Amino acid sequence: MSDLDRLTLTYAREFPEEFATAASAAPRVELLELLQKLPADVAIGVVARLSVSAFRDVCTELKNPLSNWLNSAKFDDSVALLTRLPRREQIALVAAVVDRATRRRLRQFLNFPAHSVGSLAVELPLRIAEQTPLAELLQELRELDDRNETPVVVTGSQGQYVGVLDVWRLALVVGEHGRVRDVCRWVNPVLPEVSLASARELVQWNRFDWLPVVDHEQRILGFVRHQQVFGIREMESSEAEIIGDSLVVLGSRYFTVLGRLLERMLGSVERLR
């Protein structure tokens, strides 16, 4: 191995976040070749931290290596990778893990009771690192399918949840200067073991259509939409109760939106004075 290779490996091992940021900007062919030259435990740590588009390309082109890397990865890196994949791909990758103890631990991490929030968090939000330049964020958003409203969460240097993208604040940004942390807002996340009955009582639903789901280490597991949580009712709930709950939520949301619009209008008038 050359001196350059040793430096590259050391950097990737000690600073996977920074290495992944630089690697994401490389041409895809070079990125794929580089990843396959890294040791499995280092490669998976880098892959788990790649940008959205780079991660998508790597998962498409390197399905078999991903399965092999998972066998050699640290548990935290395995979780960081799995939480960026759809549920079907998660299950397939975990099933291919050779070590029985590791496979059991990962399966326990992915499975939650049927009447818990975790059982509904099967969709994944778009994850953007807080240090990402706004120009890159806007490019990622342009590449999304406009027909699907994809929630966006912001993560820290270790992949932990730090908030959600504030679309209002992003719309007010002049130009493409700054970083994602400048247009981030905190939204209380939900733990996966929280029951649906308890989740329906969360005050966050008065302001948000979806909530992030995180584990006890603040790693993103997915998200749940309002209609998912309120669309599943116990058999004993009457039709009148369901309609009543829906009207309460609708009324609350109406006044919340009205209040936000008035606040922004008054703020705009104040700035013009």
Protein backbone atom coordinates (compact mmCIF):
# COMPACT_ATOMS: atom_id res chain seq x y z
CA MET A 1 0.00 0.00 0.00
CA SER A 2 1.42 3.43 -0.95
CA ASP A 3 1.80 6.37 1.44
CA LEU A 4 -1.16 8.03 -0.26
CA ASP A 5 -3.30 4.92 0.33
CA ARG A 6 -2.33 4.84 4.00
CA LEU A 7 -3.21 8.51 4.40
CA THR A 8 -6.53 7.97 2.66
CA LEU A 9 -7.39 5.00 4.87
CA THR A 10 -6.41 6.82 8.06
CA TYR A 11 -8.49 9.84 7.12
CA ALA A 12 -11.51 7.68 6.23
CA ARG A 13 -11.25 5.76 9.50
CA GLU A 14 -10.78 8.77 11.80
CA PHE A 15 -12.97 11.31 10.00
CA PRO A 16 -15.71 9.38 8.16
CA GLU A 17 -18.07 12.40 8.04
CA GLU A 18 -15.52 14.68 6.36
CA PHE A 19 -14.30 11.87 4.12
CA ALA A 20 -17.87 11.11 3.00
CA THR A 21 -18.50 14.78 2.21
CA ALA A 22 -15.43 14.93 -0.03
CA ALA A 23 -16.15 11.52 -1.60
CA SER A 24 -19.74 12.52 -2.43
CA ALA A 25 -18.43 15.22 -4.74
CA ALA A 26 -16.21 12.80 -6.69
CA PRO A 27 -17.34 11.27 -10.01
CA ARG A 28 -19.45 8.19 -9.30
CA VAL A 29 -17.05 5.76 -10.99
CA GLU A 30 -14.16 7.00 -8.84
CA LEU A 31 -16.31 6.87 -5.71
CA LEU A 32 -17.36 3.26 -6.33
CA GLU A 33 -13.75 2.22 -6.98
CA LEU A 34 -12.54 4.00 -3.85
CA LEU A 35 -15.16 2.39 -1.62
CA GLN A 36 -14.30 -1.10 -2.82
CA LYS A 37 -10.64 -0.52 -1.96
CA LEU A 38 -11.40 0.43 1.64
CA PRO A 39 -11.66 -2.22 4.39
CA ALA A 40 -15.27 -3.29 5.00
CA ASP A 41 -15.57 -1.70 8.46
CA VAL A 42 -14.30 1.64 7.11
CA ALA A 43 -16.29 1.54 3.86
CA ILE A 44 -19.65 1.11 5.54
CA GLY A 45 -18.96 4.03 7.89
CA VAL A 46 -18.31 6.23 4.87
CA VAL A 47 -21.31 4.97 2.87
CA ALA A 48 -23.67 5.65 5.78
CA ARG A 49 -22.62 9.31 5.70
CA LEU A 50 -22.67 10.01 1.95
CA SER A 51 -24.92 12.68 0.47
CA VAL A 52 -28.41 11.57 -0.59
CA SER A 53 -27.68 11.25 -4.31
CA ALA A 54 -24.30 9.54 -3.76
CA PHE A 55 -25.80 7.14 -1.22
CA ARG A 56 -28.60 6.23 -3.64
CA ASP A 57 -26.12 5.51 -6.45
CA VAL A 58 -23.85 3.42 -4.22
CA CYS A 59 -26.74 1.30 -2.94
CA THR A 60 -27.86 0.66 -6.51
CA GLU A 61 -24.43 -0.30 -7.81
CA LEU A 62 -22.93 -2.08 -4.79
CA LYS A 63 -25.72 -4.26 -3.36
CA ASN A 64 -23.52 -7.32 -2.81
CA PRO A 65 -20.63 -5.42 -1.20
CA LEU A 66 -23.11 -3.73 1.14
CA SER A 67 -24.22 -7.11 2.43
CA ASN A 68 -20.61 -8.17 3.01
CA TRP A 69 -19.65 -4.90 4.66
CA LEU A 70 -22.51 -5.24 7.14
CA ASN A 71 -20.88 -8.40 8.50
CA SER A 72 -17.74 -6.46 9.45
CA ALA A 73 -19.27 -3.17 10.53
CA LYS A 74 -19.59 -1.70 13.99
CA PHE A 75 -23.14 -1.75 15.28
CA ASP A 76 -23.53 2.04 15.15
CA ASP A 77 -22.35 2.16 11.53
CA SER A 78 -24.71 -0.70 10.64
CA VAL A 79 -27.62 1.19 12.16
CA ALA A 80 -26.58 4.42 10.43
CA LEU A 81 -26.66 2.59 7.09
CA LEU A 82 -29.89 0.67 7.69
CA THR A 83 -31.84 3.73 8.81
CA ARG A 84 -31.29 5.26 5.36
CA LEU A 85 -32.82 2.29 3.51
CA PRO A 86 -36.46 1.31 2.86
CA ARG A 87 -37.83 -1.40 5.18
CA ARG A 88 -37.70 -4.15 2.54
CA GLU A 89 -34.01 -3.52 1.84
CA GLN A 90 -33.29 -3.31 5.56
CA ILE A 91 -34.76 -6.76 6.14
CA ALA A 92 -32.91 -8.27 3.16
CA LEU A 93 -29.54 -6.91 4.28
CA VAL A 94 -29.98 -8.01 7.91
CA ALA A 95 -31.00 -11.50 6.76
CA ALA A 96 -27.66 -11.77 4.94
CA VAL A 97 -25.61 -11.04 8.07
CA VAL A 98 -23.61 -14.16 8.91
CA ASP A 99 -22.96 -13.57 12.61
CA ARG A 100 -26.03 -14.80 14.48
CA ALA A 101 -25.68 -12.44 17.45
CA THR A 102 -25.26 -9.41 15.20
CA ARG A 103 -28.20 -10.48 13.04
CA ARG A 104 -30.43 -10.93 16.11
CA ARG A 105 -29.42 -7.55 17.52
CA LEU A 106 -30.13 -5.76 14.24
CA ARG A 107 -33.50 -7.49 13.88
CA GLN A 108 -34.44 -6.42 17.40
CA PHE A 109 -33.50 -2.88 16.46
CA LEU A 110 -35.78 -2.93 13.39
CA ASN A 111 -38.85 -4.62 14.90
CA PHE A 112 -41.46 -2.85 17.02
CA PRO A 113 -44.90 -3.86 18.38
CA ALA A 114 -47.83 -3.53 15.98
CA HIS A 115 -49.48 -0.75 18.00
CA SER A 116 -46.37 1.37 18.41
CA VAL A 117 -45.10 4.37 16.46
CA GLY A 118 -42.08 2.35 15.33
CA SER A 119 -44.30 -0.07 13.40
CA LEU A 120 -45.54 2.84 11.27
CA ALA A 121 -42.17 4.50 10.65
CA VAL A 122 -41.47 2.55 7.47
CA GLU A 123 -40.86 5.59 5.28
CA LEU A 124 -37.57 7.44 5.44
CA PRO A 125 -37.13 11.22 5.41
CA LEU A 126 -34.52 12.97 3.34
CA ARG A 127 -31.51 13.45 5.63
CA ILE A 128 -29.29 16.50 5.22
CA ALA A 129 -26.22 17.26 7.35
CA GLU A 130 -26.37 20.61 9.14
CA GLN A 131 -23.03 21.65 7.61
CA THR A 132 -24.30 21.16 4.04
CA PRO A 133 -24.17 24.37 1.96
CA LEU A 134 -27.62 25.67 1.01
CA ALA A 135 -26.67 25.46 -2.67
CA GLU A 136 -26.28 21.68 -2.31
CA LEU A 137 -29.54 21.41 -0.37
CA LEU A 138 -31.45 23.25 -3.09
CA GLN A 139 -29.93 20.99 -5.71
CA GLU A 140 -31.05 17.90 -3.77
CA LEU A 141 -34.55 19.30 -3.45
CA ARG A 142 -34.73 20.02 -7.18
CA GLU A 143 -33.94 16.38 -7.91
CA LEU A 144 -36.85 15.11 -5.80
CA ASP A 145 -40.08 13.92 -7.36
CA ASP A 146 -42.41 16.91 -7.04
CA ARG A 147 -45.41 14.61 -6.79
CA ASN A 148 -44.24 13.30 -3.42
CA GLU A 149 -43.77 15.60 -0.45
CA THR A 150 -40.69 14.16 1.21
CA PRO A 151 -40.00 15.28 4.81
CA VAL A 152 -36.49 16.62 5.39
CA VAL A 153 -34.60 16.16 8.66
CA VAL A 154 -31.28 17.72 9.61
CA THR A 155 -28.52 15.66 11.22
CA GLY A 156 -25.37 16.52 13.14
CA SER A 157 -21.79 15.43 12.61
CA GLN A 158 -22.44 12.03 14.18
CA GLY A 159 -25.67 11.47 12.27
CA GLN A 160 -27.87 12.39 15.24
CA TYR A 161 -31.16 14.25 14.81
CA VAL A 162 -30.89 18.03 15.30
CA GLY A 163 -34.13 19.29 13.74
CA VAL A 164 -36.16 19.58 10.55
CA LEU A 165 -35.89 21.81 7.52
CA ASP A 166 -37.82 25.05 8.03
CA VAL A 167 -39.29 25.64 4.57
CA TRP A 168 -40.55 29.12 5.52
CA ARG A 169 -37.07 30.21 6.59
CA LEU A 170 -35.52 28.66 3.49
CA ALA A 171 -37.95 30.59 1.28
CA LEU A 172 -36.83 33.87 2.89
CA VAL A 173 -33.12 33.21 2.28
CA VAL A 174 -31.65 35.62 -0.25
CA GLY A 175 -29.41 33.75 -2.67
CA GLU A 176 -27.87 30.38 -1.82
CA HIS A 177 -25.45 31.44 0.90
CA GLY A 178 -25.25 29.85 4.31
CA ARG A 179 -25.65 26.30 5.56
CA VAL A 180 -28.54 23.99 6.35
CA ARG A 181 -28.26 24.71 10.08
CA ASP A 182 -29.35 28.29 9.28
CA VAL A 183 -32.75 27.05 8.04
CA CYS A 184 -33.29 24.34 10.65
CA ARG A 185 -35.90 24.26 13.40
CA TRP A 186 -36.34 21.92 16.35
CA VAL A 187 -39.37 19.62 16.36
CA ASN A 188 -39.75 17.20 19.27
CA PRO A 189 -39.22 13.68 17.86
CA VAL A 190 -41.07 10.53 18.89
CA LEU A 191 -39.55 7.33 20.27
CA PRO A 192 -40.51 4.15 18.36
CA GLU A 193 -41.88 2.32 21.42
CA VAL A 194 -44.48 5.03 22.11
CA SER A 195 -47.99 3.58 21.74
CA LEU A 196 -50.35 4.93 19.10
CA ALA A 197 -52.80 5.94 21.82
CA SER A 198 -50.11 8.11 23.45
CA ALA A 199 -48.92 9.42 20.08
CA ARG A 200 -52.40 10.77 19.32
CA GLU A 201 -52.19 13.00 22.39
CA LEU A 202 -48.97 14.75 21.31
CA VAL A 203 -49.40 18.52 21.03
CA GLN A 204 -46.99 18.60 18.08
CA TRP A 205 -49.84 17.47 15.81
CA ASN A 206 -51.41 20.92 16.21
CA ARG A 207 -48.56 22.35 14.13
CA PHE A 208 -47.02 19.56 12.08
CA ASP A 209 -48.26 16.98 9.55
CA TRP A 210 -45.43 14.56 10.31
CA LEU A 211 -43.01 13.87 13.14
CA PRO A 212 -39.51 12.35 13.11
CA VAL A 213 -38.99 9.02 14.88
CA VAL A 214 -35.65 8.52 16.65
CA ASP A 215 -34.11 5.91 18.91
CA HIS A 216 -32.60 6.64 22.34
CA GLU A 217 -29.33 7.64 20.69
CA GLN A 218 -31.16 10.27 18.60
CA ARG A 219 -30.60 8.30 15.37
CA ILE A 220 -33.29 8.76 12.74
CA LEU A 221 -35.45 5.67 12.23
CA GLY A 222 -38.04 7.23 9.96
CA PHE A 223 -41.09 9.42 10.35
CA VAL A 224 -44.84 9.11 10.87
CA ARG A 225 -47.57 11.15 9.24
CA HIS A 226 -50.64 12.49 10.99
CA GLN A 227 -52.99 10.34 8.93
CA GLN A 228 -51.04 7.22 9.85
CA VAL A 229 -51.37 7.78 13.58
CA PHE A 230 -54.98 8.98 13.55
CA GLY A 231 -56.09 6.59 10.82
CA ILE A 232 -55.60 3.50 13.00
CA ARG A 233 -58.27 3.29 15.67
CA GLU A 234 -59.12 0.62 18.20
CA MET A 235 -62.19 -1.48 17.33
CA GLU A 236 -64.20 -0.09 20.24
CA SER A 237 -63.92 3.49 19.01
CA SER A 238 -67.24 4.71 17.67
CA GLU A 239 -67.75 6.58 14.41
CA ALA A 240 -68.92 9.62 16.39
CA GLU A 241 -65.66 9.65 18.39
CA ILE A 242 -63.58 9.48 15.24
CA ILE A 243 -65.52 12.34 13.64
CA GLY A 244 -65.26 14.37 16.85
CA ASP A 245 -61.50 13.90 17.07
CA SER A 246 -61.12 14.87 13.41
CA LEU A 247 -63.11 18.09 13.89
CA VAL A 248 -61.02 19.07 16.91
CA VAL A 249 -57.80 18.56 14.97
CA LEU A 250 -59.18 20.42 11.93
CA GLY A 251 -60.27 23.38 14.04
CA SER A 252 -56.97 23.53 15.86
CA ARG A 253 -55.00 23.45 12.62
CA TYR A 254 -57.15 26.17 11.06
CA PHE A 255 -56.43 28.63 13.85
CA THR A 256 -52.75 27.64 13.96
CA VAL A 257 -52.28 28.36 10.26
CA LEU A 258 -54.27 31.58 10.54
CA GLY A 259 -52.10 32.71 13.44
CA ARG A 260 -48.89 31.98 11.52
CA LEU A 261 -50.09 33.93 8.47
CA LEU A 262 -51.04 36.94 10.61
CA GLU A 263 -47.70 36.81 12.41
CA ARG A 264 -45.77 36.80 9.13
CA MET A 265 -47.94 39.56 7.64
CA LEU A 266 -47.46 41.78 10.69
CA GLY A 267 -43.74 41.05 10.67
CA SER A 268 -43.49 42.08 7.01
CA VAL A 269 -45.34 45.33 7.69
CA GLU A 270 -43.06 46.06 10.65
CA ARG A 271 -39.95 45.59 8.49
CA LEU A 272 -41.27 48.03 5.88
CA ARG A 273 -41.65 50.86 8.42
